[in-house]
N, C-alpha and C. Protein backbone atom coordinates (compact mmCIF):
# COMPACT_ATOMS: atom_id res chain seq x y z
N UNK A 1 56.89 79.82 82.33
CA UNK A 1 56.07 78.80 81.77
C UNK A 1 54.74 79.35 81.27
N UNK A 2 54.33 80.17 81.98
CA UNK A 2 53.10 80.79 81.59
C UNK A 2 53.26 81.51 80.29
N UNK A 3 54.37 82.11 80.12
CA UNK A 3 54.60 82.81 78.86
C UNK A 3 54.72 81.84 77.71
N UNK A 4 55.32 80.76 77.99
CA UNK A 4 55.44 79.72 76.98
C UNK A 4 54.04 79.21 76.58
N UNK A 5 53.21 79.04 77.55
CA UNK A 5 51.84 78.59 77.27
C UNK A 5 51.09 79.69 76.47
N UNK A 6 51.34 80.96 76.83
CA UNK A 6 50.70 82.06 76.10
C UNK A 6 51.20 82.09 74.64
N UNK A 7 52.48 81.88 74.46
CA UNK A 7 53.05 81.89 73.14
C UNK A 7 52.49 80.72 72.34
N UNK A 8 52.38 79.56 72.97
CA UNK A 8 51.80 78.40 72.26
C UNK A 8 50.34 78.68 71.93
N UNK A 9 49.63 79.32 72.87
CA UNK A 9 48.25 79.66 72.62
C UNK A 9 48.15 80.64 71.44
N UNK A 10 49.02 81.62 71.44
CA UNK A 10 49.01 82.58 70.36
C UNK A 10 49.37 81.91 69.03
N UNK A 11 50.30 80.98 69.07
CA UNK A 11 50.70 80.26 67.86
C UNK A 11 49.51 79.41 67.37
N UNK A 12 48.79 78.81 68.27
CA UNK A 12 47.61 78.04 67.88
C UNK A 12 46.55 78.95 67.26
N UNK A 13 46.35 80.12 67.91
CA UNK A 13 45.41 81.11 67.35
C UNK A 13 45.87 81.57 65.94
N UNK A 14 47.19 81.84 65.84
CA UNK A 14 47.69 82.26 64.54
C UNK A 14 47.52 81.16 63.51
N UNK A 15 47.76 79.91 63.88
CA UNK A 15 47.57 78.80 62.95
C UNK A 15 46.12 78.73 62.51
N UNK A 16 45.24 78.87 63.52
CA UNK A 16 43.80 78.84 63.19
C UNK A 16 43.44 79.96 62.26
N UNK A 17 43.93 81.18 62.55
CA UNK A 17 43.63 82.35 61.70
C UNK A 17 44.25 82.15 60.30
N UNK A 18 45.46 81.59 60.31
CA UNK A 18 46.14 81.34 59.03
C UNK A 18 45.35 80.34 58.19
N UNK A 19 44.85 79.30 58.87
CA UNK A 19 44.03 78.30 58.18
C UNK A 19 42.75 78.98 57.62
N UNK A 20 42.14 79.85 58.43
CA UNK A 20 40.93 80.54 57.97
C UNK A 20 41.27 81.48 56.78
N UNK A 21 42.44 82.13 56.87
CA UNK A 21 42.87 83.05 55.80
C UNK A 21 43.07 82.23 54.51
N UNK A 22 43.70 81.07 54.65
CA UNK A 22 43.90 80.19 53.49
C UNK A 22 42.56 79.77 52.87
N UNK A 23 41.60 79.44 53.71
CA UNK A 23 40.26 79.06 53.24
C UNK A 23 39.60 80.22 52.50
N UNK A 24 39.75 81.45 53.08
CA UNK A 24 39.19 82.64 52.43
C UNK A 24 39.91 82.87 51.10
N UNK A 25 41.24 82.71 51.06
CA UNK A 25 41.98 82.89 49.80
C UNK A 25 41.56 81.87 48.76
N UNK A 26 41.35 80.64 49.19
CA UNK A 26 40.87 79.61 48.26
C UNK A 26 39.47 79.97 47.72
N UNK A 27 38.61 80.48 48.63
CA UNK A 27 37.28 80.91 48.22
C UNK A 27 37.38 82.07 47.22
N UNK A 28 38.31 83.01 47.49
CA UNK A 28 38.49 84.13 46.57
C UNK A 28 39.02 83.65 45.20
N UNK A 29 39.90 82.62 45.23
CA UNK A 29 40.41 82.07 43.99
C UNK A 29 39.24 81.43 43.18
N UNK A 30 38.34 80.78 43.88
CA UNK A 30 37.17 80.19 43.23
C UNK A 30 36.26 81.27 42.63
N UNK A 31 36.08 82.36 43.40
CA UNK A 31 35.27 83.49 42.95
C UNK A 31 35.93 84.11 41.71
N UNK A 32 37.24 84.24 41.76
CA UNK A 32 37.97 84.80 40.58
C UNK A 32 37.79 83.91 39.39
N UNK A 33 37.82 82.59 39.53
CA UNK A 33 37.62 81.65 38.42
C UNK A 33 36.20 81.75 37.91
N UNK A 34 35.25 81.91 38.86
CA UNK A 34 33.87 82.06 38.43
C UNK A 34 33.66 83.36 37.66
N UNK A 35 34.34 84.44 38.12
CA UNK A 35 34.24 85.70 37.40
C UNK A 35 34.85 85.58 35.99
N UNK A 36 35.95 84.82 35.88
CA UNK A 36 36.55 84.61 34.54
C UNK A 36 35.58 83.84 33.67
N UNK A 37 34.92 82.80 34.20
CA UNK A 37 33.93 82.03 33.43
C UNK A 37 32.77 82.96 33.07
N UNK A 38 32.34 83.77 34.01
CA UNK A 38 31.26 84.72 33.75
C UNK A 38 31.64 85.72 32.68
N UNK A 39 32.87 86.15 32.70
CA UNK A 39 33.37 87.10 31.69
C UNK A 39 33.37 86.45 30.31
N UNK A 40 33.82 85.20 30.24
CA UNK A 40 33.80 84.48 28.94
C UNK A 40 32.38 84.28 28.49
N UNK A 41 31.49 83.91 29.38
CA UNK A 41 30.10 83.73 29.03
C UNK A 41 29.49 85.06 28.54
N UNK A 42 29.85 86.12 29.18
CA UNK A 42 29.36 87.47 28.78
C UNK A 42 29.86 87.77 27.36
N UNK A 43 31.15 87.47 27.10
CA UNK A 43 31.68 87.72 25.71
C UNK A 43 30.96 86.88 24.69
N UNK A 44 30.67 85.63 25.02
CA UNK A 44 29.93 84.77 24.06
C UNK A 44 28.53 85.30 23.84
N UNK A 45 27.88 85.71 24.92
CA UNK A 45 26.53 86.28 24.80
C UNK A 45 26.55 87.53 23.93
N UNK A 46 27.59 88.32 24.14
CA UNK A 46 27.70 89.55 23.34
C UNK A 46 27.87 89.21 21.86
N UNK A 47 28.70 88.17 21.56
CA UNK A 47 28.85 87.72 20.18
C UNK A 47 27.51 87.22 19.64
N UNK A 48 26.80 86.44 20.41
CA UNK A 48 25.49 85.92 19.95
C UNK A 48 24.50 87.07 19.69
N UNK A 49 24.54 88.08 20.54
CA UNK A 49 23.66 89.23 20.33
C UNK A 49 23.99 89.93 19.05
N UNK A 50 25.29 90.08 18.79
CA UNK A 50 25.72 90.76 17.54
C UNK A 50 25.30 89.91 16.31
N UNK A 51 25.48 88.60 16.43
CA UNK A 51 25.05 87.73 15.33
C UNK A 51 23.54 87.81 15.14
N UNK A 52 22.81 87.77 16.22
CA UNK A 52 21.33 87.84 16.13
C UNK A 52 20.91 89.18 15.55
N UNK A 53 21.59 90.27 15.91
CA UNK A 53 21.24 91.58 15.38
C UNK A 53 21.53 91.61 13.87
N UNK A 54 22.65 91.04 13.47
CA UNK A 54 22.97 90.99 12.04
C UNK A 54 21.95 90.15 11.29
N UNK A 55 21.57 89.02 11.88
CA UNK A 55 20.58 88.15 11.24
C UNK A 55 19.24 88.85 11.17
N UNK A 56 18.86 89.57 12.19
CA UNK A 56 17.60 90.30 12.16
C UNK A 56 17.62 91.37 11.09
N UNK A 57 18.77 92.06 10.97
CA UNK A 57 18.88 93.06 9.89
C UNK A 57 18.73 92.42 8.53
N UNK A 58 19.37 91.25 8.32
CA UNK A 58 19.24 90.53 7.07
C UNK A 58 17.79 90.14 6.82
N UNK A 59 17.14 89.67 7.87
CA UNK A 59 15.73 89.25 7.73
C UNK A 59 14.87 90.47 7.37
N UNK A 60 15.13 91.61 8.01
CA UNK A 60 14.38 92.83 7.68
C UNK A 60 14.59 93.23 6.25
N UNK A 61 15.85 93.13 5.78
CA UNK A 61 16.13 93.44 4.38
C UNK A 61 15.45 92.46 3.46
N UNK A 62 15.51 91.19 3.79
CA UNK A 62 14.86 90.16 2.96
C UNK A 62 13.35 90.38 2.93
N UNK A 63 12.81 90.75 4.07
CA UNK A 63 11.35 91.01 4.11
C UNK A 63 11.00 92.20 3.26
N UNK A 64 11.82 93.25 3.32
CA UNK A 64 11.55 94.43 2.50
C UNK A 64 11.62 94.09 1.04
N UNK A 65 12.67 93.30 0.66
CA UNK A 65 12.76 92.89 -0.76
C UNK A 65 11.59 92.04 -1.13
N UNK A 66 11.16 91.12 -0.25
CA UNK A 66 10.05 90.26 -0.54
C UNK A 66 8.76 91.06 -0.70
N UNK A 67 8.58 92.04 0.19
CA UNK A 67 7.40 92.87 0.07
C UNK A 67 7.39 93.64 -1.24
N UNK A 68 8.56 94.17 -1.65
CA UNK A 68 8.68 94.90 -2.90
C UNK A 68 8.36 93.98 -4.09
N UNK A 69 8.94 92.76 -4.06
CA UNK A 69 8.68 91.80 -5.13
C UNK A 69 7.19 91.43 -5.16
N UNK A 70 6.63 91.27 -3.99
CA UNK A 70 5.19 90.92 -3.93
C UNK A 70 4.35 92.01 -4.53
N UNK A 71 4.66 93.26 -4.18
CA UNK A 71 3.88 94.39 -4.76
C UNK A 71 4.02 94.44 -6.27
N UNK A 72 5.24 94.19 -6.75
CA UNK A 72 5.47 94.19 -8.20
C UNK A 72 4.69 93.04 -8.85
N UNK A 73 4.74 91.90 -8.21
CA UNK A 73 4.02 90.73 -8.74
C UNK A 73 2.53 90.98 -8.71
N UNK A 74 2.04 91.58 -7.67
CA UNK A 74 0.62 91.84 -7.52
C UNK A 74 0.17 92.82 -8.63
N UNK A 75 1.00 93.85 -8.89
CA UNK A 75 0.68 94.80 -9.98
C UNK A 75 0.67 94.07 -11.32
N UNK A 76 1.66 93.22 -11.53
CA UNK A 76 1.73 92.46 -12.79
C UNK A 76 0.52 91.55 -12.96
N UNK A 77 0.15 90.87 -11.85
CA UNK A 77 -1.00 89.95 -11.92
C UNK A 77 -2.29 90.76 -12.20
N UNK A 78 -2.40 91.91 -11.53
CA UNK A 78 -3.59 92.73 -11.76
C UNK A 78 -3.66 93.21 -13.22
N UNK A 79 -2.50 93.68 -13.73
CA UNK A 79 -2.46 94.17 -15.11
C UNK A 79 -2.78 93.05 -16.10
N UNK A 80 -2.16 91.88 -15.88
CA UNK A 80 -2.40 90.76 -16.77
C UNK A 80 -3.86 90.27 -16.65
N UNK A 81 -4.38 90.27 -15.42
CA UNK A 81 -5.76 89.86 -15.22
C UNK A 81 -6.72 90.79 -15.94
N UNK A 82 -6.45 92.09 -15.84
CA UNK A 82 -7.30 93.05 -16.52
C UNK A 82 -7.26 92.85 -18.04
N UNK A 83 -6.03 92.66 -18.53
CA UNK A 83 -5.85 92.47 -19.98
C UNK A 83 -6.58 91.17 -20.43
N UNK A 84 -6.40 90.12 -19.62
CA UNK A 84 -7.04 88.83 -19.98
C UNK A 84 -8.53 88.97 -19.93
N UNK A 85 -9.07 89.66 -18.92
CA UNK A 85 -10.53 89.85 -18.84
C UNK A 85 -11.02 90.63 -20.06
N UNK A 86 -10.26 91.67 -20.45
CA UNK A 86 -10.66 92.48 -21.59
C UNK A 86 -10.69 91.60 -22.87
N UNK A 87 -9.64 90.80 -23.02
CA UNK A 87 -9.61 89.91 -24.22
C UNK A 87 -10.73 88.91 -24.19
N UNK A 88 -11.03 88.34 -23.01
CA UNK A 88 -12.14 87.37 -22.90
C UNK A 88 -13.46 88.07 -23.22
N UNK A 89 -13.65 89.29 -22.74
CA UNK A 89 -14.87 89.99 -23.04
C UNK A 89 -15.02 90.26 -24.56
N UNK A 90 -13.91 90.60 -25.19
CA UNK A 90 -13.94 90.83 -26.63
C UNK A 90 -14.29 89.54 -27.39
N UNK A 91 -13.66 88.42 -26.97
CA UNK A 91 -13.95 87.15 -27.61
C UNK A 91 -15.39 86.75 -27.36
N UNK A 92 -15.85 86.97 -26.12
CA UNK A 92 -17.23 86.65 -25.78
C UNK A 92 -18.22 87.45 -26.61
N UNK A 93 -17.92 88.74 -26.74
CA UNK A 93 -18.79 89.58 -27.57
C UNK A 93 -18.84 89.14 -29.02
N UNK A 94 -17.63 88.78 -29.53
CA UNK A 94 -17.57 88.28 -30.92
C UNK A 94 -18.36 86.99 -31.06
N UNK A 95 -18.23 86.11 -30.11
CA UNK A 95 -18.99 84.85 -30.19
C UNK A 95 -20.49 85.09 -30.03
N UNK A 96 -20.88 85.99 -29.16
CA UNK A 96 -22.31 86.30 -29.03
C UNK A 96 -22.84 86.91 -30.30
N UNK A 97 -22.04 87.81 -30.92
CA UNK A 97 -22.47 88.38 -32.22
C UNK A 97 -22.62 87.28 -33.27
N UNK A 98 -21.60 86.38 -33.30
CA UNK A 98 -21.66 85.28 -34.27
C UNK A 98 -22.86 84.42 -34.01
N UNK A 99 -23.12 84.14 -32.74
CA UNK A 99 -24.27 83.31 -32.38
C UNK A 99 -25.56 84.02 -32.77
N UNK A 100 -25.66 85.29 -32.53
CA UNK A 100 -26.82 86.06 -32.89
C UNK A 100 -27.03 86.03 -34.44
N UNK A 101 -25.93 86.21 -35.17
CA UNK A 101 -25.99 86.18 -36.63
C UNK A 101 -26.44 84.81 -37.12
N UNK A 102 -25.87 83.77 -36.52
CA UNK A 102 -26.30 82.43 -36.89
C UNK A 102 -27.76 82.17 -36.59
N UNK A 103 -28.18 82.67 -35.41
CA UNK A 103 -29.60 82.48 -35.03
C UNK A 103 -30.51 83.22 -36.02
N UNK A 104 -30.11 84.40 -36.41
CA UNK A 104 -30.91 85.16 -37.38
C UNK A 104 -30.94 84.42 -38.73
N UNK A 105 -29.79 83.91 -39.15
CA UNK A 105 -29.80 83.16 -40.41
C UNK A 105 -30.66 81.93 -40.33
N UNK A 106 -30.56 81.25 -39.18
CA UNK A 106 -31.37 80.05 -39.00
C UNK A 106 -32.87 80.42 -38.99
N UNK A 107 -33.21 81.50 -38.34
CA UNK A 107 -34.63 81.94 -38.32
C UNK A 107 -35.09 82.30 -39.71
N UNK A 108 -34.24 82.97 -40.49
CA UNK A 108 -34.64 83.32 -41.86
C UNK A 108 -34.82 82.05 -42.72
N UNK A 109 -33.90 81.12 -42.52
CA UNK A 109 -34.00 79.86 -43.28
C UNK A 109 -35.28 79.10 -42.86
N UNK A 110 -35.57 79.14 -41.59
CA UNK A 110 -36.77 78.41 -41.13
C UNK A 110 -38.03 79.10 -41.67
N UNK A 111 -38.01 80.43 -41.65
CA UNK A 111 -39.20 81.12 -42.20
C UNK A 111 -39.31 80.93 -43.71
N UNK A 112 -38.20 80.86 -44.36
CA UNK A 112 -38.17 80.58 -45.80
C UNK A 112 -38.76 79.21 -46.08
N UNK A 113 -38.37 78.26 -45.25
CA UNK A 113 -38.90 76.89 -45.44
C UNK A 113 -40.37 76.83 -45.03
N UNK A 114 -40.73 77.55 -43.98
CA UNK A 114 -42.11 77.48 -43.51
C UNK A 114 -43.07 78.23 -44.43
N UNK A 115 -42.60 79.10 -45.26
CA UNK A 115 -43.45 79.82 -46.17
C UNK A 115 -43.92 78.97 -47.35
N UNK A 116 -43.46 77.77 -47.36
CA UNK A 116 -43.94 76.89 -48.43
C UNK A 116 -43.02 76.84 -49.61
N UNK A 117 -41.87 77.44 -49.42
CA UNK A 117 -40.90 77.34 -50.53
C UNK A 117 -40.48 75.92 -50.77
N UNK A 118 -39.92 75.72 -51.86
CA UNK A 118 -39.55 74.37 -52.24
C UNK A 118 -38.58 73.81 -51.22
N UNK A 119 -38.86 72.62 -50.75
CA UNK A 119 -38.00 71.95 -49.79
C UNK A 119 -36.83 71.29 -50.50
N UNK A 120 -35.67 71.75 -50.18
CA UNK A 120 -34.48 71.26 -50.88
C UNK A 120 -33.51 70.66 -49.85
N UNK A 121 -32.78 69.63 -50.26
CA UNK A 121 -31.83 68.96 -49.37
C UNK A 121 -30.72 69.91 -49.00
N UNK A 122 -30.39 70.84 -49.90
CA UNK A 122 -29.31 71.78 -49.61
C UNK A 122 -29.72 72.71 -48.43
N UNK A 123 -30.99 73.05 -48.38
CA UNK A 123 -31.43 73.87 -47.27
C UNK A 123 -31.29 73.13 -45.93
N UNK A 124 -31.60 71.87 -45.94
CA UNK A 124 -31.49 71.08 -44.74
C UNK A 124 -30.02 71.00 -44.29
N UNK A 125 -29.14 70.78 -45.25
CA UNK A 125 -27.73 70.70 -44.94
C UNK A 125 -27.25 72.05 -44.37
N UNK A 126 -27.68 73.15 -44.99
CA UNK A 126 -27.26 74.46 -44.48
C UNK A 126 -27.80 74.67 -43.07
N UNK A 127 -29.04 74.26 -42.85
CA UNK A 127 -29.63 74.40 -41.50
C UNK A 127 -28.84 73.56 -40.49
N UNK A 128 -28.48 72.37 -40.90
CA UNK A 128 -27.72 71.51 -39.98
C UNK A 128 -26.36 72.11 -39.69
N UNK A 129 -25.71 72.65 -40.73
CA UNK A 129 -24.44 73.31 -40.49
C UNK A 129 -24.55 74.52 -39.57
N UNK A 130 -25.58 75.31 -39.82
CA UNK A 130 -25.82 76.47 -38.97
C UNK A 130 -26.06 76.05 -37.52
N UNK A 131 -26.86 75.01 -37.36
CA UNK A 131 -27.12 74.50 -36.03
C UNK A 131 -25.83 74.01 -35.39
N UNK A 132 -24.99 73.32 -36.10
CA UNK A 132 -23.71 72.83 -35.59
C UNK A 132 -22.81 74.00 -35.18
N UNK A 133 -22.82 75.05 -36.01
CA UNK A 133 -22.04 76.25 -35.68
C UNK A 133 -22.53 76.89 -34.40
N UNK A 134 -23.85 76.96 -34.26
CA UNK A 134 -24.43 77.56 -33.06
C UNK A 134 -24.06 76.73 -31.83
N UNK A 135 -24.17 75.41 -31.96
CA UNK A 135 -23.80 74.55 -30.85
C UNK A 135 -22.35 74.73 -30.50
N UNK A 136 -21.46 74.81 -31.52
CA UNK A 136 -20.05 75.00 -31.28
C UNK A 136 -19.78 76.35 -30.59
N UNK A 137 -20.47 77.39 -31.03
CA UNK A 137 -20.27 78.69 -30.42
C UNK A 137 -20.73 78.69 -29.00
N UNK A 138 -21.86 78.10 -28.72
CA UNK A 138 -22.36 78.02 -27.34
C UNK A 138 -21.41 77.21 -26.47
N UNK A 139 -20.91 76.16 -27.01
CA UNK A 139 -19.98 75.31 -26.28
C UNK A 139 -18.68 76.08 -25.97
N UNK A 140 -18.20 76.83 -26.95
CA UNK A 140 -16.97 77.60 -26.76
C UNK A 140 -17.21 78.68 -25.71
N UNK A 141 -18.37 79.32 -25.70
CA UNK A 141 -18.67 80.34 -24.68
C UNK A 141 -18.69 79.72 -23.29
N UNK A 142 -19.25 78.53 -23.18
CA UNK A 142 -19.27 77.85 -21.86
C UNK A 142 -17.83 77.54 -21.40
N UNK A 143 -17.00 77.08 -22.35
CA UNK A 143 -15.60 76.79 -22.00
C UNK A 143 -14.89 78.06 -21.56
N UNK A 144 -15.12 79.15 -22.26
CA UNK A 144 -14.48 80.42 -21.87
C UNK A 144 -14.95 80.87 -20.50
N UNK A 145 -16.22 80.68 -20.22
CA UNK A 145 -16.75 81.04 -18.88
C UNK A 145 -16.05 80.18 -17.80
N UNK A 146 -15.90 78.89 -18.06
CA UNK A 146 -15.23 78.03 -17.07
C UNK A 146 -13.78 78.49 -16.90
N UNK A 147 -13.09 78.77 -17.99
CA UNK A 147 -11.71 79.22 -17.88
C UNK A 147 -11.59 80.55 -17.13
N UNK A 148 -12.52 81.42 -17.40
CA UNK A 148 -12.49 82.70 -16.71
C UNK A 148 -12.71 82.51 -15.20
N UNK A 149 -13.65 81.62 -14.84
CA UNK A 149 -13.84 81.35 -13.40
C UNK A 149 -12.59 80.70 -12.79
N UNK A 150 -11.95 79.81 -13.54
CA UNK A 150 -10.75 79.13 -13.04
C UNK A 150 -9.63 80.16 -12.83
N UNK A 151 -9.46 81.05 -13.80
CA UNK A 151 -8.43 82.07 -13.70
C UNK A 151 -8.72 83.02 -12.54
N UNK A 152 -9.99 83.36 -12.37
CA UNK A 152 -10.38 84.23 -11.24
C UNK A 152 -10.03 83.52 -9.93
N UNK A 153 -10.32 82.25 -9.84
CA UNK A 153 -10.03 81.49 -8.61
C UNK A 153 -8.54 81.43 -8.37
N UNK A 154 -7.75 81.22 -9.43
CA UNK A 154 -6.30 81.20 -9.32
C UNK A 154 -5.76 82.55 -8.84
N UNK A 155 -6.27 83.63 -9.45
CA UNK A 155 -5.85 84.96 -9.05
C UNK A 155 -6.18 85.25 -7.60
N UNK A 156 -7.34 84.81 -7.17
CA UNK A 156 -7.74 85.02 -5.78
C UNK A 156 -6.78 84.20 -4.87
N UNK A 157 -6.51 82.95 -5.26
CA UNK A 157 -5.62 82.13 -4.46
C UNK A 157 -4.20 82.74 -4.38
N UNK A 158 -3.72 83.27 -5.48
CA UNK A 158 -2.41 83.88 -5.52
C UNK A 158 -2.40 85.12 -4.62
N UNK A 159 -3.44 85.95 -4.76
CA UNK A 159 -3.46 87.18 -3.96
C UNK A 159 -3.61 86.89 -2.49
N UNK A 160 -4.23 85.78 -2.12
CA UNK A 160 -4.37 85.45 -0.73
C UNK A 160 -3.11 84.66 -0.27
N UNK A 161 -2.58 83.82 -1.15
CA UNK A 161 -1.44 82.95 -0.79
C UNK A 161 -0.17 83.73 -0.51
N UNK A 162 0.14 84.75 -1.32
CA UNK A 162 1.41 85.46 -1.14
C UNK A 162 1.49 86.17 0.22
N UNK A 163 0.48 86.85 0.67
CA UNK A 163 0.60 87.45 2.03
C UNK A 163 0.77 86.40 3.09
N UNK A 164 0.07 85.25 2.94
CA UNK A 164 0.18 84.20 3.95
C UNK A 164 1.60 83.64 3.94
N UNK A 165 2.18 83.43 2.76
CA UNK A 165 3.54 82.92 2.66
C UNK A 165 4.51 83.96 3.25
N UNK A 166 4.29 85.21 2.91
CA UNK A 166 5.15 86.29 3.44
C UNK A 166 5.10 86.34 4.95
N UNK A 167 3.88 86.24 5.51
CA UNK A 167 3.74 86.24 6.96
C UNK A 167 4.44 85.02 7.58
N UNK A 168 4.31 83.87 6.97
CA UNK A 168 4.94 82.65 7.47
C UNK A 168 6.46 82.79 7.45
N UNK A 169 6.99 83.33 6.35
CA UNK A 169 8.45 83.54 6.28
C UNK A 169 8.90 84.56 7.29
N UNK A 170 8.14 85.61 7.46
CA UNK A 170 8.50 86.63 8.43
C UNK A 170 8.53 86.01 9.83
N UNK A 171 7.51 85.24 10.16
CA UNK A 171 7.46 84.58 11.48
C UNK A 171 8.62 83.61 11.62
N UNK A 172 8.96 82.90 10.57
CA UNK A 172 10.04 81.97 10.65
C UNK A 172 11.34 82.69 10.91
N UNK A 173 11.59 83.77 10.21
CA UNK A 173 12.85 84.46 10.34
C UNK A 173 12.93 85.27 11.63
N UNK A 174 11.83 85.73 12.15
CA UNK A 174 11.84 86.50 13.35
C UNK A 174 12.04 85.61 14.58
N UNK A 175 11.74 84.37 14.47
CA UNK A 175 11.90 83.44 15.61
C UNK A 175 13.32 82.87 15.66
N UNK A 176 14.08 83.10 14.61
CA UNK A 176 15.49 82.58 14.60
C UNK A 176 16.25 83.44 15.57
């Protein structure tokens, strides 16, 4: 009887151990499922890293192209600005010469009239026309000065704006 009790006790112990072994196996099955999930997550992360690296390479290429285009544009703007400034200086010099010539003619006409020469209506008309031409030339010079200042301001805005836009695009693409 004692042996029977021992056998029953051993069977109970074996059942208990078997139950514990089953629990451990179930835990191992859960760990294996978690490892499979972790493996899939790792593969997805690896894909995302590859996509991000490709996107970063594209952004770097786009930034290089943008920098090259910006340099070309800046050179073009500088060349055009220099050419425009030269043309404006030439026009300004021509207008100043014309103004000087008109002023000299007006002074000669005034001295001619002030010397007591015969006062003629034609002289008055010529003086009025000369005065109108001088006023027009001065007006045109002021307009050219305003345009030159406007163009200078635009060029400054463009030269400041492009690097700011480039930086903003670079920041935008690098945060993706």
